[in-house]
PDB file of N, CA and C in Angstrom:
ATOM      1  N   UNK A   1       0.842  -1.185   0.000  1.00  0.00           N
ATOM      2  CA  UNK A   1       0.000   0.000   0.000  1.00  0.00           C
ATOM      3  C   UNK A   1       0.885   1.245   0.000  1.00  0.00           C
ATOM      4  N   UNK A   2       0.607   2.162  -0.912  1.00  0.00           N
ATOM      5  CA  UNK A   2       1.384   3.395  -1.020  1.00  0.00           C
ATOM      6  C   UNK A   2       0.612   4.507  -0.336  1.00  0.00           C
ATOM      7  N   UNK A   3       1.257   5.129   0.626  1.00  0.00           N
ATOM      8  CA  UNK A   3       0.610   6.233   1.346  1.00  0.00           C
ATOM      9  C   UNK A   3       0.702   7.505   0.514  1.00  0.00           C
ATOM     10  N   UNK A   4      -0.384   8.263   0.471  1.00  0.00           N
ATOM     11  CA  UNK A   4      -0.386   9.524  -0.257  1.00  0.00           C
ATOM     12  C   UNK A   4       0.090  10.675   0.608  1.00  0.00           C
ATOM     13  N   UNK A   5       0.251  10.441   1.889  1.00  0.00           N
ATOM     14  CA  UNK A   5       0.688  11.521   2.764  1.00  0.00           C
ATOM     15  C   UNK A   5       2.200  11.619   2.706  1.00  0.00           C
ATOM     16  N   UNK A   6       2.717  12.836   2.517  1.00  0.00           N
ATOM     17  CA  UNK A   6       4.169  12.999   2.437  1.00  0.00           C
ATOM     18  C   UNK A   6       4.844  12.663   3.750  1.00  0.00           C
ATOM     19  N   UNK A   7       6.032  12.123   3.654  1.00  0.00           N
ATOM     20  CA  UNK A   7       6.827  11.806   4.840  1.00  0.00           C
ATOM     21  C   UNK A   7       7.576  13.059   5.259  1.00  0.00           C
ATOM     22  N   UNK A   8       8.032  13.102   6.488  1.00  0.00           N
ATOM     23  CA  UNK A   8       8.800  14.264   6.941  1.00  0.00           C
ATOM     24  C   UNK A   8       9.980  14.526   6.007  1.00  0.00           C
ATOM     25  N   UNK A   9      10.317  15.794   5.812  1.00  0.00           N
ATOM     26  CA  UNK A   9      11.384  16.183   4.887  1.00  0.00           C
ATOM     27  C   UNK A   9      12.724  15.561   5.263  1.00  0.00           C
ATOM     28  N   UNK A  10      12.918  15.222   6.517  1.00  0.00           N
ATOM     29  CA  UNK A  10      14.198  14.679   6.952  1.00  0.00           C
ATOM     30  C   UNK A  10      14.371  13.211   6.577  1.00  0.00           C
ATOM     31  N   UNK A  11      13.298  12.540   6.179  1.00  0.00           N
ATOM     32  CA  UNK A  11      13.403  11.124   5.842  1.00  0.00           C
ATOM     33  C   UNK A  11      13.735  10.977   4.365  1.00  0.00           C
ATOM     34  N   UNK A  12      14.876  10.381   4.076  1.00  0.00           N
ATOM     35  CA  UNK A  12      15.308  10.164   2.704  1.00  0.00           C
ATOM     36  C   UNK A  12      14.800   8.815   2.241  1.00  0.00           C
ATOM     37  N   UNK A  13      13.954   8.819   1.212  1.00  0.00           N
ATOM     38  CA  UNK A  13      13.410   7.562   0.702  1.00  0.00           C
ATOM     39  C   UNK A  13      14.339   6.918  -0.321  1.00  0.00           C
ATOM     40  N   UNK A  14      15.317   7.663  -0.834  1.00  0.00           N
ATOM     41  CA  UNK A  14      16.284   7.110  -1.769  1.00  0.00           C
ATOM     42  C   UNK A  14      15.677   6.748  -3.106  1.00  0.00           C
ATOM     43  N   UNK A  15      16.288   5.770  -3.794  1.00  0.00           N
ATOM     44  CA  UNK A  15      15.789   5.302  -5.092  1.00  0.00           C
ATOM     45  C   UNK A  15      14.369   4.795  -4.940  1.00  0.00           C
ATOM     46  N   UNK A  16      13.539   5.071  -5.935  1.00  0.00           N
ATOM     47  CA  UNK A  16      12.156   4.616  -5.876  1.00  0.00           C
ATOM     48  C   UNK A  16      11.332   5.405  -4.884  1.00  0.00           C
ATOM     49  N   UNK A  17      11.630   6.674  -4.718  1.00  0.00           N
ATOM     50  CA  UNK A  17      10.960   7.544  -3.759  1.00  0.00           C
ATOM     51  C   UNK A  17       9.454   7.578  -4.040  1.00  0.00           C
ATOM     52  N   UNK A  18       8.682   6.902  -3.207  1.00  0.00           N
ATOM     53  CA  UNK A  18       7.234   6.783  -3.424  1.00  0.00           C
ATOM     54  C   UNK A  18       6.504   8.107  -3.240  1.00  0.00           C
ATOM     55  N   UNK A  19       6.966   8.923  -2.321  1.00  0.00           N
ATOM     56  CA  UNK A  19       6.316  10.213  -2.093  1.00  0.00           C
ATOM     57  C   UNK A  19       6.486  11.098  -3.324  1.00  0.00           C
ATOM     58  N   UNK A  20       7.694  11.173  -3.858  1.00  0.00           N
ATOM     59  CA  UNK A  20       7.948  11.979  -5.054  1.00  0.00           C
ATOM     60  C   UNK A  20       7.160  11.429  -6.235  1.00  0.00           C
ATOM     61  N   UNK A  21       7.095  10.115  -6.358  1.00  0.00           N
ATOM     62  CA  UNK A  21       6.345   9.494  -7.449  1.00  0.00           C
ATOM     63  C   UNK A  21       4.865   9.862  -7.364  1.00  0.00           C
ATOM     64  N   UNK A  22       4.298   9.774  -6.184  1.00  0.00           N
ATOM     65  CA  UNK A  22       2.877  10.104  -6.004  1.00  0.00           C
ATOM     66  C   UNK A  22       2.619  11.575  -6.318  1.00  0.00           C
ATOM     67  N   UNK A  23       3.518  12.461  -5.873  1.00  0.00           N
ATOM     68  CA  UNK A  23       3.362  13.889  -6.158  1.00  0.00           C
ATOM     69  C   UNK A  23       3.462  14.154  -7.658  1.00  0.00           C
ATOM     70  N   UNK A  24       4.392  13.516  -8.328  1.00  0.00           N
ATOM     71  CA  UNK A  24       4.558  13.687  -9.766  1.00  0.00           C
ATOM     72  C   UNK A  24       3.299  13.227 -10.507  1.00  0.00           C
ATOM     73  N   UNK A  25       2.821  12.043 -10.153  1.00  0.00           N
ATOM     74  CA  UNK A  25       1.632  11.501 -10.830  1.00  0.00           C
ATOM     75  C   UNK A  25       0.409  12.381 -10.608  1.00  0.00           C
ATOM     76  N   UNK A  26       0.250  12.908  -9.398  1.00  0.00           N
ATOM     77  CA  UNK A  26      -0.880  13.823  -9.144  1.00  0.00           C
ATOM     78  C   UNK A  26      -0.734  15.089  -9.973  1.00  0.00           C
ATOM     79  N   UNK A  27       0.471  15.597 -10.085  1.00  0.00           N
ATOM     80  CA  UNK A  27       0.714  16.803 -10.878  1.00  0.00           C
ATOM     81  C   UNK A  27       0.413  16.597 -12.351  1.00  0.00           C
ATOM     82  N   UNK A  28       0.832  15.461 -12.903  1.00  0.00           N
ATOM     83  CA  UNK A  28       0.555  15.154 -14.308  1.00  0.00           C
ATOM     84  C   UNK A  28      -0.944  15.012 -14.518  1.00  0.00           C
ATOM     85  N   UNK A  29      -1.598  14.282 -13.631  1.00  0.00           N
ATOM     86  CA  UNK A  29      -3.047  14.086 -13.742  1.00  0.00           C
ATOM     87  C   UNK A  29      -3.786  15.422 -13.693  1.00  0.00           C
ATOM     88  N   UNK A  30      -3.377  16.291 -12.787  1.00  0.00           N
ATOM     89  CA  UNK A  30      -4.021  17.602 -12.668  1.00  0.00           C
ATOM     90  C   UNK A  30      -3.761  18.442 -13.922  1.00  0.00           C
ATOM     91  N   UNK A  31      -2.553  18.396 -14.439  1.00  0.00           N
ATOM     92  CA  UNK A  31      -2.229  19.165 -15.644  1.00  0.00           C
ATOM     93  C   UNK A  31      -3.098  18.696 -16.820  1.00  0.00           C
ATOM     94  N   UNK A  32      -3.187  17.393 -17.005  1.00  0.00           N
ATOM     95  CA  UNK A  32      -3.979  16.851 -18.109  1.00  0.00           C
ATOM     96  C   UNK A  32      -5.451  17.213 -17.940  1.00  0.00           C
ATOM     97  N   UNK A  33      -5.919  17.207 -16.711  1.00  0.00           N
ATOM     98  CA  UNK A  33      -7.327  17.502 -16.448  1.00  0.00           C
ATOM     99  C   UNK A  33      -7.657  18.974 -16.689  1.00  0.00           C
ATOM    100  N   UNK A  34      -6.733  19.876 -16.413  1.00  0.00           N
ATOM    101  CA  UNK A  34      -7.027  21.311 -16.421  1.00  0.00           C
ATOM    102  C   UNK A  34      -6.378  22.100 -17.556  1.00  0.00           C
ATOM    103  N   UNK A  35      -5.666  21.448 -18.440  1.00  0.00           N
ATOM    104  CA  UNK A  35      -4.990  22.161 -19.519  1.00  0.00           C
ATOM    105  C   UNK A  35      -5.373  21.562 -20.873  1.00  0.00           C
ATOM    106  N   UNK A  36      -5.211  22.347 -21.894  1.00  0.00           N
ATOM    107  CA  UNK A  36      -5.484  21.916 -23.263  1.00  0.00           C
ATOM    108  C   UNK A  36      -4.225  21.241 -23.799  1.00  0.00           C
ATOM    109  N   UNK A  37      -4.037  19.973 -23.457  1.00  0.00           N
ATOM    110  CA  UNK A  37      -2.821  19.254 -23.811  1.00  0.00           C
ATOM    111  C   UNK A  37      -2.686  19.124 -25.327  1.00  0.00           C
ATOM    112  N   UNK A  38      -3.780  18.810 -26.011  1.00  0.00           N
ATOM    113  CA  UNK A  38      -3.723  18.688 -27.467  1.00  0.00           C
ATOM    114  C   UNK A  38      -3.378  20.036 -28.095  1.00  0.00           C
ATOM    115  N   UNK A  39      -3.952  21.115 -27.561  1.00  0.00           N
ATOM    116  CA  UNK A  39      -3.624  22.453 -28.054  1.00  0.00           C
ATOM    117  C   UNK A  39      -2.162  22.789 -27.819  1.00  0.00           C
ATOM    118  N   UNK A  40      -1.627  22.400 -26.646  1.00  0.00           N
ATOM    119  CA  UNK A  40      -0.207  22.624 -26.352  1.00  0.00           C
ATOM    120  C   UNK A  40       0.665  21.891 -27.368  1.00  0.00           C
ATOM    121  N   UNK A  41       0.290  20.643 -27.669  1.00  0.00           N
ATOM    122  CA  UNK A  41       1.049  19.843 -28.639  1.00  0.00           C
ATOM    123  C   UNK A  41       0.980  20.473 -30.027  1.00  0.00           C
ATOM    124  N   UNK A  42      -0.189  20.938 -30.415  1.00  0.00           N
ATOM    125  CA  UNK A  42      -0.346  21.588 -31.726  1.00  0.00           C
ATOM    126  C   UNK A  42       0.504  22.848 -31.819  1.00  0.00           C
ATOM    127  N   UNK A  43       0.505  23.662 -30.759  1.00  0.00           N
ATOM    128  CA  UNK A  43       1.310  24.892 -30.754  1.00  0.00           C
ATOM    129  C   UNK A  43       2.803  24.562 -30.811  1.00  0.00           C
ATOM    130  N   UNK A  44       3.217  23.527 -30.107  1.00  0.00           N
ATOM    131  CA  UNK A  44       4.625  23.123 -30.136  1.00  0.00           C
ATOM    132  C   UNK A  44       5.012  22.646 -31.527  1.00  0.00           C
ATOM    133  N   UNK A  45       4.145  21.876 -32.153  1.00  0.00           N
ATOM    134  CA  UNK A  45       4.419  21.381 -33.503  1.00  0.00           C
ATOM    135  C   UNK A  45       4.569  22.552 -34.481  1.00  0.00           C
ATOM    136  N   UNK A  46       3.670  23.524 -34.380  1.00  0.00           N
ATOM    137  CA  UNK A  46       3.748  24.692 -35.266  1.00  0.00           C
ATOM    138  C   UNK A  46       5.031  25.489 -35.005  1.00  0.00           C
ATOM    139  N   UNK A  47       5.441  25.575 -33.742  1.00  0.00           N
ATOM    140  CA  UNK A  47       6.672  26.316 -33.406  1.00  0.00           C
ATOM    141  C   UNK A  47       7.882  25.626 -34.020  1.00  0.00           C
ATOM    142  N   UNK A  48       7.953  24.309 -33.905  1.00  0.00           N
ATOM    143  CA  UNK A  48       9.094  23.569 -34.444  1.00  0.00           C
ATOM    144  C   UNK A  48       9.102  23.635 -35.967  1.00  0.00           C
ATOM    145  N   UNK A  49       7.933  23.595 -36.576  1.00  0.00           N
ATOM    146  CA  UNK A  49       7.841  23.653 -38.031  1.00  0.00           C
ATOM    147  C   UNK A  49       7.930  25.085 -38.566  1.00  0.00           C
ATOM    148  N   UNK A  50       7.830  26.076 -37.697  1.00  0.00           N
ATOM    149  CA  UNK A  50       7.804  27.470 -38.120  1.00  0.00           C
ATOM    150  C   UNK A  50       9.164  28.134 -38.055  1.00  0.00           C
ATOM    151  N   UNK A  51       9.150  29.476 -38.073  1.00  0.00           N
ATOM    152  CA  UNK A  51      10.396  30.248 -38.128  1.00  0.00           C
ATOM    153  C   UNK A  51      11.321  30.044 -36.927  1.00  0.00           C
ATOM    154  N   UNK A  52      10.770  29.676 -35.777  1.00  0.00           N
ATOM    155  CA  UNK A  52      11.638  29.489 -34.606  1.00  0.00           C
ATOM    156  C   UNK A  52      12.153  28.059 -34.484  1.00  0.00           C
ATOM    157  N   UNK A  53      11.843  27.211 -35.458  1.00  0.00           N
ATOM    158  CA  UNK A  53      12.244  25.807 -35.408  1.00  0.00           C
ATOM    159  C   UNK A  53      13.740  25.602 -35.287  1.00  0.00           C
ATOM    160  N   UNK A  54      14.528  26.347 -36.081  1.00  0.00           N
ATOM    161  CA  UNK A  54      15.989  26.190 -36.024  1.00  0.00           C
ATOM    162  C   UNK A  54      16.519  26.526 -34.630  1.00  0.00           C
ATOM    163  N   UNK A  55      16.001  27.592 -34.051  1.00  0.00           N
ATOM    164  CA  UNK A  55      16.439  27.986 -32.703  1.00  0.00           C
ATOM    165  C   UNK A  55      16.057  26.923 -31.675  1.00  0.00           C
ATOM    166  N   UNK A  56      14.863  26.362 -31.796  1.00  0.00           N
ATOM    167  CA  UNK A  56      14.421  25.325 -30.860  1.00  0.00           C
ATOM    168  C   UNK A  56      15.281  24.070 -30.994  1.00  0.00           C
ATOM    169  N   UNK A  57      15.618  23.688 -32.218  1.00  0.00           N
ATOM    170  CA  UNK A  57      16.468  22.506 -32.422  1.00  0.00           C
ATOM    171  C   UNK A  57      17.883  22.746 -31.881  1.00  0.00           C
ATOM    172  N   UNK A  58      18.401  23.974 -32.040  1.00  0.00           N
ATOM    173  CA  UNK A  58      19.731  24.293 -31.469  1.00  0.00           C
ATOM    174  C   UNK A  58      19.685  24.197 -29.942  1.00  0.00           C
ATOM    175  N   UNK A  59      18.618  24.707 -29.348  1.00  0.00           N
ATOM    176  CA  UNK A  59      18.485  24.643 -27.884  1.00  0.00           C
ATOM    177  C   UNK A  59      18.388  23.191 -27.418  1.00  0.00           C
ATOM    178  N   UNK A  60      17.666  22.376 -28.169  1.00  0.00           N
ATOM    179  CA  UNK A  60      17.554  20.957 -27.813  1.00  0.00           C
ATOM    180  C   UNK A  60      18.923  20.283 -27.893  1.00  0.00           C
ATOM    181  N   UNK A  61      19.663  20.549 -28.963  1.00  0.00           N
ATOM    182  CA  UNK A  61      20.989  19.950 -29.118  1.00  0.00           C
ATOM    183  C   UNK A  61      21.924  20.391 -27.999  1.00  0.00           C
ATOM    184  N   UNK A  62      21.855  21.659 -27.622  1.00  0.00           N
ATOM    185  CA  UNK A  62      22.686  22.169 -26.517  1.00  0.00           C
ATOM    186  C   UNK A  62      22.340  21.443 -25.221  1.00  0.00           C
ATOM    187  N   UNK A  63      21.072  21.263 -24.964  1.00  0.00           N
ATOM    188  CA  UNK A  63      20.658  20.557 -23.752  1.00  0.00           C
ATOM    189  C   UNK A  63      21.132  19.117 -23.736  1.00  0.00           C
ATOM    190  N   UNK A  64      21.133  18.474 -24.883  1.00  0.00           N
ATOM    191  CA  UNK A  64      21.570  17.076 -24.961  1.00  0.00           C
ATOM    192  C   UNK A  64      23.074  16.927 -24.795  1.00  0.00           C
ATOM    193  N   UNK A  65      23.824  17.994 -25.028  1.00  0.00           N
ATOM    194  CA  UNK A  65      25.286  17.926 -24.876  1.00  0.00           C
ATOM    195  C   UNK A  65      25.715  17.829 -23.419  1.00  0.00           C
ATOM    196  N   UNK A  66      24.862  18.223 -22.520  1.00  0.00           N
ATOM    197  CA  UNK A  66      25.215  18.223 -21.105  1.00  0.00           C
ATOM    198  C   UNK A  66      24.845  16.887 -20.468  1.00  0.00           C
ATOM    199  N   UNK A  67      25.726  16.410 -19.620  1.00  0.00           N
ATOM    200  CA  UNK A  67      25.471  15.155 -18.926  1.00  0.00           C
ATOM    201  C   UNK A  67      24.277  15.315 -18.002  1.00  0.00           C
ATOM    202  N   UNK A  68      23.548  14.229 -17.803  1.00  0.00           N
ATOM    203  CA  UNK A  68      22.410  14.249 -16.887  1.00  0.00           C
ATOM    204  C   UNK A  68      22.890  14.672 -15.503  1.00  0.00           C
ATOM    205  N   UNK A  69      22.191  15.629 -14.924  1.00  0.00           N
ATOM    206  CA  UNK A  69      22.529  16.087 -13.589  1.00  0.00           C
ATOM    207  C   UNK A  69      23.585  17.179 -13.557  1.00  0.00           C
ATOM    208  N   UNK A  70      24.188  17.469 -14.697  1.00  0.00           N
ATOM    209  CA  UNK A  70      25.220  18.506 -14.745  1.00  0.00           C
ATOM    210  C   UNK A  70      24.566  19.861 -14.952  1.00  0.00           C
ATOM    211  N   UNK A  71      24.975  20.834 -14.195  1.00  0.00           N
ATOM    212  CA  UNK A  71      24.450  22.188 -14.345  1.00  0.00           C
ATOM    213  C   UNK A  71      25.420  22.976 -15.215  1.00  0.00           C
ATOM    214  N   UNK A  72      25.019  23.309 -16.461  1.00  0.00           N
ATOM    215  CA  UNK A  72      25.958  24.009 -17.336  1.00  0.00           C
ATOM    216  C   UNK A  72      26.330  25.386 -16.821  1.00  0.00           C
ATOM    217  N   UNK A  73      25.565  25.919 -15.870  1.00  0.00           N
ATOM    218  CA  UNK A  73      25.875  27.237 -15.326  1.00  0.00           C
ATOM    219  C   UNK A  73      26.985  27.211 -14.290  1.00  0.00           C
ATOM    220  N   UNK A  74      27.299  26.033 -13.777  1.00  0.00           N
ATOM    221  CA  UNK A  74      28.350  25.921 -12.767  1.00  0.00           C
ATOM    222  C   UNK A  74      29.684  25.654 -13.435  1.00  0.00           C
ATOM    223  N   UNK A  75      30.699  26.351 -13.001  1.00  0.00           N
ATOM    224  CA  UNK A  75      32.039  26.155 -13.568  1.00  0.00           C
ATOM    225  C   UNK A  75      32.866  25.355 -12.587  1.00  0.00           C
ATOM    226  N   UNK A  76      33.592  24.402 -13.118  1.00  0.00           N
ATOM    227  CA  UNK A  76      34.471  23.580 -12.282  1.00  0.00           C
ATOM    228  C   UNK A  76      35.810  24.292 -12.135  1.00  0.00           C
ATOM    229  N   UNK A  77      36.411  24.064 -10.978  1.00  0.00           N
ATOM    230  CA  UNK A  77      37.758  24.576 -10.827  1.00  0.00           C
ATOM    231  C   UNK A  77      37.824  25.614  -9.854  1.00  0.00           C
TER     232      UNK A  77
END
């Protein structure tokens, strides 16, 4: 049984964090229920196919160049 009540902030659930999973799923469900998801997808498709498409693809490529979890704004050294 998965509890929907959040655990105290000091308790680390580690991998498979059930509290975070439940919060994420509720957020997605609420977004789908209250937003025009198909309209959002249509607008995104038009943006990628339109004049800003090249800029969006460059931004996507830049994001993919960074390792997962790496903050490109932080400098090492």
